[in-house]
Protein backbone atom coordinates (compact mmCIF):
# COMPACT_ATOMS: atom_id res chain seq x y z
CA MET A 1 -29.94 -30.97 -17.70
CA GLY A 2 -26.79 -30.14 -19.30
CA PHE A 3 -28.21 -29.23 -22.86
CA ARG A 4 -26.06 -26.29 -24.33
CA LYS A 5 -27.88 -23.38 -25.87
CA PHE A 6 -27.71 -23.37 -29.48
CA THR A 7 -27.26 -19.71 -29.67
CA ASP A 8 -24.13 -19.93 -27.28
CA ILE A 9 -22.64 -22.78 -29.41
CA GLN A 10 -23.30 -20.69 -32.56
CA LYS A 11 -21.66 -17.53 -31.04
CA SER A 12 -18.50 -19.50 -29.99
CA LEU A 13 -18.09 -20.81 -33.62
CA PHE A 14 -18.46 -17.12 -34.94
CA MET A 15 -15.72 -16.10 -32.35
CA LYS A 16 -13.50 -18.86 -33.77
CA PHE A 17 -13.79 -17.22 -37.22
CA ALA A 18 -13.03 -13.84 -35.84
CA TRP A 19 -9.87 -15.39 -34.24
CA LYS A 20 -8.69 -16.96 -37.43
CA ILE A 21 -9.12 -13.63 -39.21
CA MET A 22 -6.83 -11.96 -36.58
CA VAL A 23 -3.99 -14.71 -36.38
CA GLU A 24 -4.13 -16.87 -39.37
CA ASP A 25 -2.00 -16.42 -42.47
CA SER A 26 -4.34 -18.24 -44.87
CA LEU A 27 -6.14 -17.43 -48.11
CA TRP A 28 -9.47 -17.53 -46.17
CA SER A 29 -8.25 -14.78 -43.61
CA HIS A 30 -6.47 -12.77 -46.30
CA PHE A 31 -9.83 -12.63 -48.24
CA PHE A 32 -11.99 -11.39 -45.36
CA ARG A 33 -9.39 -8.86 -44.21
CA ALA A 34 -8.91 -7.49 -47.72
CA LYS A 35 -12.81 -7.28 -48.30
CA TYR A 36 -13.94 -5.80 -44.98
CA LEU A 37 -11.07 -4.62 -43.23
CA ARG A 38 -8.98 -3.06 -45.95
CA GLN A 39 -6.36 -0.76 -44.26
CA ASN A 40 -8.40 -0.43 -40.96
CA HIS A 41 -7.76 -1.95 -37.75
CA ILE A 42 -10.07 -4.90 -36.95
CA SER A 43 -11.65 -3.08 -33.86
CA LEU A 44 -12.74 -0.35 -36.29
CA VAL A 45 -14.81 -2.62 -38.58
CA ASP A 46 -18.25 -1.65 -39.49
CA ARG A 47 -20.37 -4.46 -37.97
CA GLY A 48 -23.39 -3.26 -39.84
CA LYS A 49 -22.24 -3.96 -43.34
CA GLY A 50 -21.62 -7.06 -45.35
CA THR A 51 -23.09 -10.58 -45.52
CA ARG A 52 -25.30 -12.05 -42.73
CA PHE A 53 -22.31 -14.38 -41.95
CA TRP A 54 -19.93 -11.60 -41.75
CA ARG A 55 -22.13 -9.43 -39.62
CA MET A 56 -22.40 -12.33 -37.13
CA VAL A 57 -18.43 -12.94 -37.03
CA ALA A 58 -18.01 -9.15 -36.76
CA SER A 59 -20.47 -8.71 -33.89
CA CYS A 60 -17.98 -11.10 -31.90
CA ILE A 61 -14.96 -9.21 -32.58
CA PRO A 62 -15.15 -6.85 -29.58
CA GLU A 63 -15.45 -9.81 -27.30
CA VAL A 64 -12.56 -11.63 -28.84
CA LEU A 65 -10.33 -8.66 -28.63
CA ASN A 66 -11.46 -8.25 -24.95
CA LEU A 67 -10.50 -11.78 -24.18
CA SER A 68 -6.95 -11.65 -26.07
CA LYS A 69 -3.85 -9.98 -25.43
CA TRP A 70 -0.58 -9.36 -27.61
CA LYS A 71 2.52 -10.69 -26.51
CA ILE A 72 5.09 -8.19 -28.28
CA LYS A 73 8.05 -9.57 -30.10
CA ASN A 74 8.90 -7.69 -33.09
CA GLY A 75 6.16 -5.15 -32.49
CA ASN A 76 4.49 -5.29 -35.87
CA ILE A 77 1.01 -4.43 -34.12
CA SER A 78 -0.97 -1.20 -33.54
CA PHE A 79 0.38 0.93 -30.83
CA TRP A 80 -3.09 2.39 -30.14
CA PHE A 81 -5.76 -0.25 -31.02
CA ASP A 82 -4.23 -3.59 -30.11
CA LYS A 83 -4.41 -4.69 -26.57
CA TRP A 84 -0.76 -5.44 -25.23
CA LEU A 85 -1.22 -3.80 -21.77
CA ASP A 86 -3.27 -5.37 -19.03
CA GLU A 87 -5.31 -2.11 -18.95
CA GLY A 88 -6.42 -2.35 -22.46
CA PRO A 89 -5.82 -0.67 -25.59
CA LEU A 90 -3.97 2.56 -25.22
CA CYS A 91 -6.57 4.40 -27.33
CA ASN A 92 -8.90 3.86 -24.52
CA LEU A 93 -6.63 5.32 -21.95
CA VAL A 94 -5.00 8.35 -23.52
CA PRO A 95 -5.78 10.61 -26.57
CA MET A 96 -4.18 9.51 -29.75
CA GLY A 97 -2.95 12.57 -30.98
CA ASP A 98 -1.86 12.75 -34.76
CA SER A 99 -0.39 9.39 -35.24
CA PRO A 100 -3.26 6.75 -35.27
CA ILE A 101 -1.56 4.32 -37.36
CA LEU A 102 1.54 4.18 -35.09
CA GLN A 103 3.11 0.73 -34.70
CA VAL A 104 5.08 -0.36 -31.57
CA THR A 105 8.15 -1.29 -33.70
CA GLU A 106 8.27 2.48 -34.53
CA LEU A 107 9.35 3.20 -31.06
CA LYS A 108 12.40 0.87 -31.22
CA MET A 109 15.75 2.47 -31.11
CA GLU A 110 19.04 0.87 -31.77
CA ASN A 111 19.72 0.29 -27.97
CA GLY A 112 16.20 0.20 -26.49
CA TRP A 113 13.10 2.26 -26.89
CA ASP A 114 12.37 5.88 -27.60
CA VAL A 115 11.57 7.03 -24.02
CA VAL A 116 11.31 10.78 -24.79
CA LYS A 117 8.59 9.96 -27.71
CA LEU A 118 6.92 7.71 -25.32
CA HIS A 119 6.61 10.48 -22.62
CA ASP A 120 5.34 12.79 -25.33
CA ILE A 121 2.36 10.60 -26.47
CA VAL A 122 1.19 8.74 -23.53
CA GLY A 123 2.45 10.89 -20.58
CA GLU A 124 4.90 10.28 -17.84
CA GLU A 125 2.66 8.18 -15.50
CA LEU A 126 1.62 5.60 -18.27
CA ALA A 127 5.00 5.55 -20.09
CA GLY A 128 6.46 3.69 -17.10
CA LYS A 129 3.89 0.83 -17.45
CA VAL A 130 4.42 0.91 -21.35
CA LEU A 131 8.19 0.67 -21.07
CA GLU A 132 7.87 -2.20 -18.33
CA VAL A 133 5.97 -4.28 -21.07
CA LEU A 134 8.24 -3.26 -24.02
CA CYS A 135 11.43 -4.14 -22.16
CA LYS A 136 10.40 -7.74 -21.86
CA SER A 137 10.09 -8.17 -25.60
CA ARG A 138 12.20 -10.62 -27.31
CA GLU A 139 12.87 -11.35 -31.19
CA GLY A 140 10.25 -13.11 -33.18
CA VAL A 141 6.87 -12.89 -34.37
CA ASP A 142 4.19 -11.22 -32.21
CA VAL A 143 1.75 -13.82 -30.67
CA LEU A 144 -1.91 -13.32 -29.84
CA ILE A 145 -2.63 -14.93 -26.37
CA TRP A 146 -6.27 -16.15 -25.69
CA THR A 147 -6.51 -15.17 -22.04
CA ALA A 148 -9.50 -17.47 -21.39
CA SER A 149 -7.36 -20.58 -21.46
CA LYS A 150 -4.36 -21.64 -19.65
CA ASP A 151 -2.26 -22.45 -22.56
CA GLY A 152 -3.04 -19.19 -24.51
CA LYS A 153 -4.55 -21.05 -27.30
CA PHE A 154 -8.08 -20.48 -28.68
CA SER A 155 -10.62 -23.27 -28.44
CA THR A 156 -14.31 -23.35 -29.15
CA LYS A 157 -14.99 -24.86 -25.81
CA SER A 158 -13.24 -22.06 -23.99
CA ALA A 159 -15.17 -19.40 -26.09
CA TRP A 160 -18.40 -21.23 -25.19
CA ASN A 161 -17.42 -21.11 -21.44
CA CYS A 162 -16.97 -17.24 -21.82
CA VAL A 163 -20.32 -16.71 -23.63
CA ARG A 164 -22.54 -19.12 -21.68
CA THR A 165 -24.83 -18.12 -18.73
CA THR A 166 -23.88 -20.37 -15.83
CA ALA A 167 -26.63 -20.94 -13.37
CA PRO A 168 -25.65 -21.39 -9.57
CA LYS A 169 -24.74 -25.01 -8.65
CA VAL A 170 -27.49 -26.85 -7.22
CA ARG A 171 -26.62 -28.65 -3.99
CA TRP A 172 -28.68 -31.83 -4.64
CA ALA A 173 -27.33 -32.16 -8.29
CA ASP A 174 -24.37 -34.46 -7.50
CA TRP A 175 -26.90 -36.86 -5.85
CA VAL A 176 -29.74 -36.66 -8.53
CA TRP A 177 -27.18 -37.32 -11.30
CA HIS A 178 -25.27 -39.93 -9.17
CA PRO A 179 -23.73 -42.47 -11.52
CA CYS A 180 -25.39 -45.39 -9.53
CA ILE A 181 -28.72 -44.12 -10.45
CA PRO A 182 -30.46 -45.08 -13.76
CA LYS A 183 -30.74 -41.99 -15.94
CA ASN A 184 -34.59 -42.26 -16.55
CA ILE A 185 -34.73 -41.88 -12.61
CA SER A 186 -32.37 -38.87 -12.46
CA VAL A 187 -34.24 -37.14 -15.52
CA ASN A 188 -37.56 -37.60 -13.56
CA MET A 189 -36.06 -36.28 -10.26
CA TRP A 190 -35.13 -33.12 -12.31
CA LYS A 191 -38.66 -32.98 -13.52
CA PHE A 192 -40.01 -33.46 -9.95
CA PHE A 193 -37.88 -30.60 -8.80
CA ASN A 194 -38.97 -28.26 -11.55
CA ASN A 195 -42.58 -29.15 -10.80
CA ALA A 196 -42.79 -30.73 -14.38
CA LEU A 197 -45.05 -33.74 -13.46
CA SER A 198 -48.36 -34.57 -15.17
CA VAL A 199 -50.30 -34.39 -11.93
CA ASP A 200 -53.85 -32.99 -11.86
CA ASP A 201 -52.75 -29.72 -10.27
CA ARG A 202 -50.04 -29.16 -12.98
CA ILE A 203 -52.48 -30.15 -15.86
CA LYS A 204 -55.24 -27.68 -14.74
CA SER A 205 -52.43 -24.83 -14.42
CA ILE A 206 -52.01 -25.04 -17.98
CA GLY A 207 -55.72 -24.51 -18.80
CA ILE A 208 -57.12 -28.18 -19.08
CA PRO A 209 -60.03 -28.61 -16.82
CA LEU A 210 -60.44 -31.70 -14.90
CA ALA A 211 -61.99 -33.09 -11.63
CA SER A 212 -58.99 -33.95 -9.47
CA LYS A 213 -58.86 -37.35 -7.38
CA CYS A 214 -55.86 -38.93 -6.25
CA ASP A 215 -55.33 -42.70 -6.27
CA CYS A 216 -53.53 -42.93 -2.96
CA CYS A 217 -56.09 -42.11 -0.34
CA VAL A 218 -59.38 -43.63 0.54
CA HIS A 219 -61.32 -40.32 0.30
CA GLY A 220 -59.59 -39.35 -2.92
CA ALA A 221 -57.90 -35.89 -2.19
CA TYR A 222 -56.74 -33.31 -4.69
CA GLU A 223 -53.85 -34.48 -6.62
CA ASN A 224 -50.57 -32.27 -6.64
CA ARG A 225 -46.86 -33.19 -6.55
CA ASP A 226 -46.66 -32.89 -2.73
CA HIS A 227 -49.65 -35.10 -2.23
CA VAL A 228 -48.43 -37.88 -4.55
CA LEU A 229 -44.82 -37.79 -3.36
CA ALA A 230 -45.09 -36.78 0.36
CA ASN A 231 -48.44 -36.02 1.99
CA GLY A 232 -50.72 -38.57 0.69
CA ASP A 233 -51.45 -41.71 2.73
CA ILE A 234 -49.24 -44.05 0.69
CA ALA A 235 -46.54 -41.52 0.40
CA LYS A 236 -46.38 -40.77 4.22
CA GLU A 237 -46.32 -44.54 5.08
CA VAL A 238 -43.38 -45.23 2.36
CA TRP A 239 -41.29 -42.37 3.90
CA ARG A 240 -42.01 -43.52 7.65
CA ILE A 241 -40.96 -47.13 6.76
CA THR A 242 -37.81 -45.73 5.03
CA TYR A 243 -36.78 -43.32 7.71
CA ALA A 244 -37.41 -46.25 10.34
CA GLN A 245 -35.25 -48.87 8.30
CA MET A 246 -32.43 -46.31 7.90
CA GLY A 247 -32.55 -45.32 11.43
CA LEU A 248 -33.32 -41.73 10.94
CA GLY A 249 -36.43 -41.38 13.10
CA ARG A 250 -39.24 -39.40 11.65
CA THR A 251 -39.05 -36.54 9.12
CA THR A 252 -39.80 -32.73 10.09
CA GLY A 253 -40.61 -31.95 6.44
CA THR A 254 -44.09 -31.05 5.33
CA SER A 255 -43.42 -30.98 1.59
CA TRP A 256 -41.53 -33.35 -0.89
CA ASN A 257 -38.67 -30.72 -1.40
CA GLN A 258 -38.24 -30.42 2.48
CA ILE A 259 -38.14 -34.18 2.91
CA VAL A 260 -35.68 -34.71 -0.07
CA GLU A 261 -33.45 -31.81 1.00
CA GLU A 262 -33.26 -33.41 4.59
CA TRP A 263 -32.13 -36.70 3.12
CA PHE A 264 -29.36 -34.90 1.00
CA PHE A 265 -28.28 -32.86 3.93
CA THR A 266 -27.41 -36.02 5.84
CA ALA A 267 -25.89 -37.91 2.85
CA SER A 268 -22.24 -38.17 2.52
CA LYS A 269 -19.79 -39.54 -0.08
CA THR A 270 -17.36 -40.78 2.47
CA SER A 271 -19.03 -43.83 3.54
CA GLN A 272 -21.39 -46.53 2.14
CA LEU A 273 -24.22 -45.54 4.36
CA GLY A 274 -23.69 -41.94 3.41
CA HIS A 275 -23.94 -42.90 -0.27
CA LEU A 276 -27.17 -44.74 0.40
CA LEU A 277 -28.78 -41.82 2.20
CA GLY A 278 -27.90 -39.70 -0.95
CA ILE A 279 -29.40 -42.24 -3.47
CA ILE A 280 -32.68 -43.46 -1.61
CA PRO A 281 -34.58 -40.04 -2.10
CA SER A 282 -34.52 -40.72 -5.87
CA ILE A 283 -35.48 -44.10 -5.72
CA VAL A 284 -38.31 -43.63 -3.06
CA THR A 285 -39.71 -40.82 -5.26
CA TRP A 286 -39.44 -42.77 -8.39
CA SER A 287 -41.10 -45.85 -6.76
CA LEU A 288 -44.04 -43.46 -5.47
CA TRP A 289 -44.34 -41.90 -8.91
CA LEU A 290 -44.49 -45.46 -10.51
CA ARG A 291 -47.13 -46.45 -8.27
CA ARG A 292 -49.27 -43.49 -9.02
CA CYS A 293 -48.84 -44.18 -12.78
CA LYS A 294 -49.79 -47.90 -12.25
CA ALA A 295 -52.82 -47.05 -10.44
CA ARG A 296 -53.87 -44.54 -13.21
CA ALA A 297 -53.13 -46.75 -16.02
CA GLU A 298 -53.71 -50.18 -14.92
CA GLY A 299 -56.11 -49.51 -11.95
CA VAL A 300 -53.56 -51.56 -9.65
CA LYS A 301 -53.15 -49.75 -6.39
CA ASP A 302 -50.16 -51.24 -4.56
CA SER A 303 -49.92 -50.90 -0.79
CA ALA A 304 -47.07 -49.00 1.02
CA ILE A 305 -45.64 -52.44 1.90
CA THR A 306 -45.35 -53.31 -1.79
CA VAL A 307 -43.80 -50.02 -2.67
CA TRP A 308 -41.28 -50.50 -0.11
CA TYR A 309 -40.28 -54.08 -1.31
CA ASN A 310 -39.82 -52.38 -4.71
CA ILE A 311 -37.68 -49.68 -2.95
CA LYS A 312 -35.64 -52.48 -1.31
CA THR A 313 -35.11 -54.24 -4.70
CA TRP A 314 -33.92 -50.97 -6.35
CA ILE A 315 -31.53 -50.16 -3.56
CA GLY A 316 -30.12 -53.64 -3.80
CA LYS A 317 -29.30 -52.86 -7.63
CA VAL A 318 -27.71 -49.52 -7.14
CA GLY A 319 -26.20 -49.90 -3.81
């Protein structure tokens, strides 16, 4: 339904604090670096110590580092621990040797870079990639780029997009949440698809015993979602009339899901008729559900023709 998980929002905010510690020159960032990092690189911080707030921030540091990359200018960053190669920090690619605190600027020479030293510490194969990056450096302050955004700037929204779990796009979502359809109908369609209706079958499934009897058939059949919205006497007649009025013949679906999917499959946003075909399933479903609730609450059992006239009214409003 579009509700964001609170844990994802919270994590994106902690990632923002971690980013500020890495890039900001402020009293706040200086305080946390002095208290928790001291002379260590931020990737080596002990994530199990400190206040609860700091532990939450520290737990996000690896993810922030993974989604960021340094653009070298003056070279005042760690040669081994900072990520300035596409492949990742050099400490993960080759042994560090006896110079773990080496900075990139220490490899600078008057007319270029110390190629011999680079070959010694990273090897001939990797030295070529390192030199390729170093030779592109310009004068100025090193810049930390947030790779999850096009402009390279960190934002809480882009961090949230990185940490959230995205479900596959539902094919019918554009029609159910169509701007022409009132939101209460859209919300109920979402409930219909997720079997969250308070029909007798659903109520019994959560452990509440009751004798089921529908309000749409003469003989009072067992009430479940498909019976109310697709297979019951009223539902079948309403869908039959709707198909006939729209010139679609008869449905081949035997369940509500199949019928609705059939309509959505024929819908299109390229014409007025195509739009109607995408909107009508929600209106028909909503009208059938209103008819059921009215019968239960007020004892008024509208006929299929009455329901169809209500549907025509709704179509006139949204179409």
